[in-house]
N, C-alpha and C. Protein backbone atom coordinates (compact mmCIF):
# COMPACT_ATOMS: atom_id res chain seq x y z
N MET A 1 0.84 -1.18 0.00
CA MET A 1 0.00 0.00 0.00
C MET A 1 0.88 1.24 0.00
N ARG A 2 0.51 2.20 -0.80
CA ARG A 2 1.25 3.46 -0.90
C ARG A 2 0.51 4.56 -0.15
N LYS A 3 1.22 5.66 0.11
CA LYS A 3 0.62 6.75 0.87
C LYS A 3 0.97 8.08 0.21
N ALA A 4 -0.02 8.96 0.12
CA ALA A 4 0.20 10.32 -0.36
C ALA A 4 -0.36 11.26 0.70
N SER A 5 0.34 12.34 0.96
CA SER A 5 -0.10 13.32 1.93
C SER A 5 -0.42 14.64 1.24
N PHE A 6 -1.49 15.28 1.69
CA PHE A 6 -1.92 16.55 1.11
C PHE A 6 -2.14 17.56 2.22
N GLU A 7 -1.78 18.81 1.95
CA GLU A 7 -2.09 19.92 2.84
C GLU A 7 -3.09 20.79 2.10
N VAL A 8 -4.32 20.78 2.58
CA VAL A 8 -5.44 21.39 1.86
C VAL A 8 -5.91 22.64 2.59
N PRO A 9 -5.89 23.80 1.91
CA PRO A 9 -6.43 25.01 2.54
C PRO A 9 -7.90 24.81 2.92
N ALA A 10 -8.28 25.32 4.08
CA ALA A 10 -9.65 25.15 4.57
C ALA A 10 -10.68 25.68 3.58
N GLU A 11 -10.32 26.71 2.83
CA GLU A 11 -11.26 27.33 1.88
C GLU A 11 -11.68 26.39 0.75
N VAL A 12 -10.88 25.37 0.46
CA VAL A 12 -11.20 24.47 -0.65
C VAL A 12 -11.41 23.03 -0.22
N ILE A 13 -11.54 22.79 1.09
CA ILE A 13 -11.65 21.42 1.58
C ILE A 13 -12.90 20.72 1.03
N GLY A 14 -13.99 21.43 0.87
CA GLY A 14 -15.21 20.82 0.34
C GLY A 14 -15.01 20.30 -1.07
N ASP A 15 -14.44 21.12 -1.94
CA ASP A 15 -14.17 20.70 -3.32
C ASP A 15 -13.20 19.52 -3.36
N PHE A 16 -12.17 19.59 -2.51
CA PHE A 16 -11.16 18.54 -2.48
C PHE A 16 -11.76 17.21 -2.03
N THR A 17 -12.57 17.22 -0.98
CA THR A 17 -13.15 15.98 -0.48
C THR A 17 -14.16 15.41 -1.47
N GLU A 18 -14.87 16.27 -2.19
CA GLU A 18 -15.77 15.78 -3.23
C GLU A 18 -15.00 15.00 -4.29
N LYS A 19 -13.84 15.55 -4.69
CA LYS A 19 -13.01 14.89 -5.70
C LYS A 19 -12.47 13.56 -5.17
N MET A 20 -12.05 13.52 -3.90
CA MET A 20 -11.57 12.27 -3.32
C MET A 20 -12.67 11.21 -3.33
N THR A 21 -13.88 11.63 -2.99
CA THR A 21 -15.02 10.71 -2.98
C THR A 21 -15.30 10.20 -4.39
N GLU A 22 -15.27 11.12 -5.35
CA GLU A 22 -15.50 10.75 -6.75
C GLU A 22 -14.48 9.73 -7.23
N LEU A 23 -13.23 9.89 -6.79
CA LEU A 23 -12.15 8.99 -7.20
C LEU A 23 -12.09 7.73 -6.35
N GLU A 24 -12.93 7.66 -5.33
CA GLU A 24 -13.04 6.49 -4.44
C GLU A 24 -11.70 6.13 -3.80
N LEU A 25 -11.02 7.15 -3.25
CA LEU A 25 -9.73 6.93 -2.61
C LEU A 25 -9.91 6.85 -1.09
N SER A 26 -9.24 5.91 -0.47
CA SER A 26 -9.26 5.76 0.98
C SER A 26 -8.44 6.89 1.59
N ASN A 27 -9.00 7.56 2.61
CA ASN A 27 -8.31 8.72 3.16
C ASN A 27 -8.63 8.92 4.63
N SER A 28 -7.81 9.74 5.26
CA SER A 28 -8.07 10.14 6.64
C SER A 28 -7.46 11.51 6.89
N ILE A 29 -8.10 12.25 7.76
CA ILE A 29 -7.57 13.55 8.18
C ILE A 29 -6.57 13.27 9.29
N THR A 30 -5.35 13.79 9.13
CA THR A 30 -4.30 13.47 10.10
C THR A 30 -3.91 14.65 10.98
N GLY A 31 -4.38 15.86 10.64
CA GLY A 31 -4.02 17.00 11.47
C GLY A 31 -4.24 18.31 10.75
N LYS A 32 -3.57 19.34 11.30
CA LYS A 32 -3.70 20.69 10.76
C LYS A 32 -2.33 21.35 10.85
N THR A 33 -1.98 22.11 9.83
CA THR A 33 -0.68 22.79 9.82
C THR A 33 -0.77 24.11 10.59
N GLU A 34 0.37 24.76 10.76
CA GLU A 34 0.41 26.07 11.40
C GLU A 34 -0.36 27.11 10.60
N ASP A 35 -0.48 26.89 9.28
CA ASP A 35 -1.21 27.81 8.40
C ASP A 35 -2.68 27.45 8.29
N ASP A 36 -3.16 26.58 9.19
CA ASP A 36 -4.55 26.12 9.22
C ASP A 36 -4.95 25.32 7.98
N GLU A 37 -3.98 24.72 7.32
CA GLU A 37 -4.30 23.80 6.23
C GLU A 37 -4.58 22.44 6.84
N ILE A 38 -5.50 21.71 6.26
CA ILE A 38 -5.90 20.41 6.77
C ILE A 38 -5.02 19.34 6.13
N GLU A 39 -4.41 18.52 6.97
CA GLU A 39 -3.54 17.46 6.49
C GLU A 39 -4.36 16.20 6.24
N ILE A 40 -4.28 15.69 5.03
CA ILE A 40 -5.03 14.50 4.64
C ILE A 40 -4.07 13.46 4.08
N GLU A 41 -4.26 12.23 4.52
CA GLU A 41 -3.45 11.12 4.06
C GLU A 41 -4.32 10.20 3.20
N VAL A 42 -3.82 9.85 2.03
CA VAL A 42 -4.53 8.95 1.13
C VAL A 42 -3.72 7.68 0.98
N LEU A 43 -4.37 6.54 1.26
CA LEU A 43 -3.73 5.24 1.08
C LEU A 43 -4.26 4.65 -0.22
N TYR A 44 -3.35 4.14 -1.04
CA TYR A 44 -3.78 3.64 -2.35
C TYR A 44 -2.86 2.52 -2.84
N GLU A 45 -3.39 1.77 -3.76
CA GLU A 45 -2.63 0.70 -4.41
C GLU A 45 -1.96 1.26 -5.66
N LYS A 46 -0.98 0.55 -6.17
CA LYS A 46 -0.26 0.99 -7.37
C LYS A 46 -1.22 1.26 -8.53
N GLU A 47 -2.27 0.45 -8.63
CA GLU A 47 -3.24 0.61 -9.72
C GLU A 47 -4.03 1.92 -9.61
N GLU A 48 -4.02 2.53 -8.44
CA GLU A 48 -4.76 3.79 -8.24
C GLU A 48 -3.88 5.03 -8.39
N SER A 49 -2.66 4.84 -8.86
CA SER A 49 -1.72 5.96 -8.98
C SER A 49 -2.27 7.09 -9.85
N GLU A 50 -2.97 6.74 -10.92
CA GLU A 50 -3.53 7.77 -11.81
C GLU A 50 -4.57 8.62 -11.08
N GLN A 51 -5.38 8.01 -10.23
CA GLN A 51 -6.37 8.77 -9.48
C GLN A 51 -5.69 9.73 -8.51
N VAL A 52 -4.60 9.27 -7.88
CA VAL A 52 -3.86 10.14 -6.96
C VAL A 52 -3.23 11.29 -7.73
N ASP A 53 -2.68 11.02 -8.90
CA ASP A 53 -2.11 12.08 -9.74
C ASP A 53 -3.19 13.10 -10.10
N GLU A 54 -4.36 12.60 -10.44
CA GLU A 54 -5.48 13.49 -10.78
C GLU A 54 -5.86 14.36 -9.58
N LEU A 55 -5.87 13.76 -8.39
CA LEU A 55 -6.19 14.51 -7.18
C LEU A 55 -5.14 15.57 -6.90
N GLU A 56 -3.86 15.25 -7.11
CA GLU A 56 -2.78 16.23 -6.92
C GLU A 56 -2.94 17.40 -7.87
N GLU A 57 -3.24 17.11 -9.13
CA GLU A 57 -3.44 18.17 -10.12
C GLU A 57 -4.65 19.04 -9.75
N TYR A 58 -5.71 18.39 -9.30
CA TYR A 58 -6.92 19.12 -8.92
C TYR A 58 -6.63 20.06 -7.74
N LEU A 59 -5.89 19.58 -6.75
CA LEU A 59 -5.55 20.44 -5.61
C LEU A 59 -4.69 21.61 -6.06
N ALA A 60 -3.75 21.38 -6.96
CA ALA A 60 -2.91 22.48 -7.47
C ALA A 60 -3.77 23.54 -8.16
N GLU A 61 -4.78 23.10 -8.92
CA GLU A 61 -5.69 24.04 -9.58
C GLU A 61 -6.50 24.83 -8.56
N LEU A 62 -7.00 24.15 -7.52
CA LEU A 62 -7.78 24.83 -6.49
C LEU A 62 -6.94 25.88 -5.78
N ILE A 63 -5.69 25.54 -5.46
CA ILE A 63 -4.81 26.47 -4.77
C ILE A 63 -4.48 27.66 -5.67
N GLN A 64 -4.27 27.41 -6.96
CA GLN A 64 -3.98 28.50 -7.90
C GLN A 64 -5.18 29.45 -7.98
N GLU A 65 -6.39 28.89 -8.08
CA GLU A 65 -7.59 29.73 -8.13
C GLU A 65 -7.73 30.55 -6.85
N LEU A 66 -7.44 29.93 -5.71
CA LEU A 66 -7.53 30.61 -4.42
C LEU A 66 -6.53 31.76 -4.36
N ASP A 67 -5.29 31.51 -4.82
CA ASP A 67 -4.26 32.55 -4.84
C ASP A 67 -4.68 33.72 -5.75
N GLU A 68 -5.24 33.40 -6.90
CA GLU A 68 -5.67 34.45 -7.83
C GLU A 68 -6.79 35.29 -7.22
N GLU A 69 -7.72 34.65 -6.53
CA GLU A 69 -8.81 35.37 -5.87
C GLU A 69 -8.26 36.30 -4.80
N GLU A 70 -7.29 35.83 -4.02
CA GLU A 70 -6.70 36.65 -2.97
C GLU A 70 -5.95 37.84 -3.56
N GLU A 71 -5.26 37.63 -4.68
CA GLU A 71 -4.54 38.73 -5.34
C GLU A 71 -5.53 39.78 -5.84
N GLU A 72 -6.65 39.33 -6.40
CA GLU A 72 -7.66 40.28 -6.89
C GLU A 72 -8.24 41.08 -5.73
N GLU A 73 -8.49 40.43 -4.61
CA GLU A 73 -9.02 41.14 -3.44
C GLU A 73 -8.02 42.18 -2.93
N GLU A 74 -6.74 41.82 -2.91
CA GLU A 74 -5.71 42.77 -2.48
C GLU A 74 -5.64 43.96 -3.41
N GLU A 75 -5.76 43.72 -4.73
CA GLU A 75 -5.73 44.82 -5.69
C GLU A 75 -6.92 45.72 -5.50
N ASP A 76 -8.10 45.15 -5.23
CA ASP A 76 -9.30 45.95 -5.02
C ASP A 76 -9.17 46.79 -3.76
N GLU A 77 -8.51 46.26 -2.72
CA GLU A 77 -8.33 47.00 -1.49
C GLU A 77 -7.37 48.15 -1.67
N ASP A 78 -6.40 48.00 -2.57
CA ASP A 78 -5.40 49.04 -2.81
C ASP A 78 -5.95 50.21 -3.60
N LYS A 79 -7.10 50.04 -4.24
CA LYS A 79 -7.67 51.11 -5.07
C LYS A 79 -8.43 52.11 -4.26
């Protein structure tokens, strides 16, 4: 059995968990970081590697969208 760990911002945890459920990956919440990100551990078999890769890409997209939204809010505050 293999293991992948994710640090998920609280703002996108709902979207992330929906994707994990859709991909039918076994997971558990293992803690919280100093930045209030939720630590999630996914246990998977070698045959499920593609699903884990897809989940990693999805999280990267969610974080990028979150960063872009924060940048836009900061720009609006500066005006």
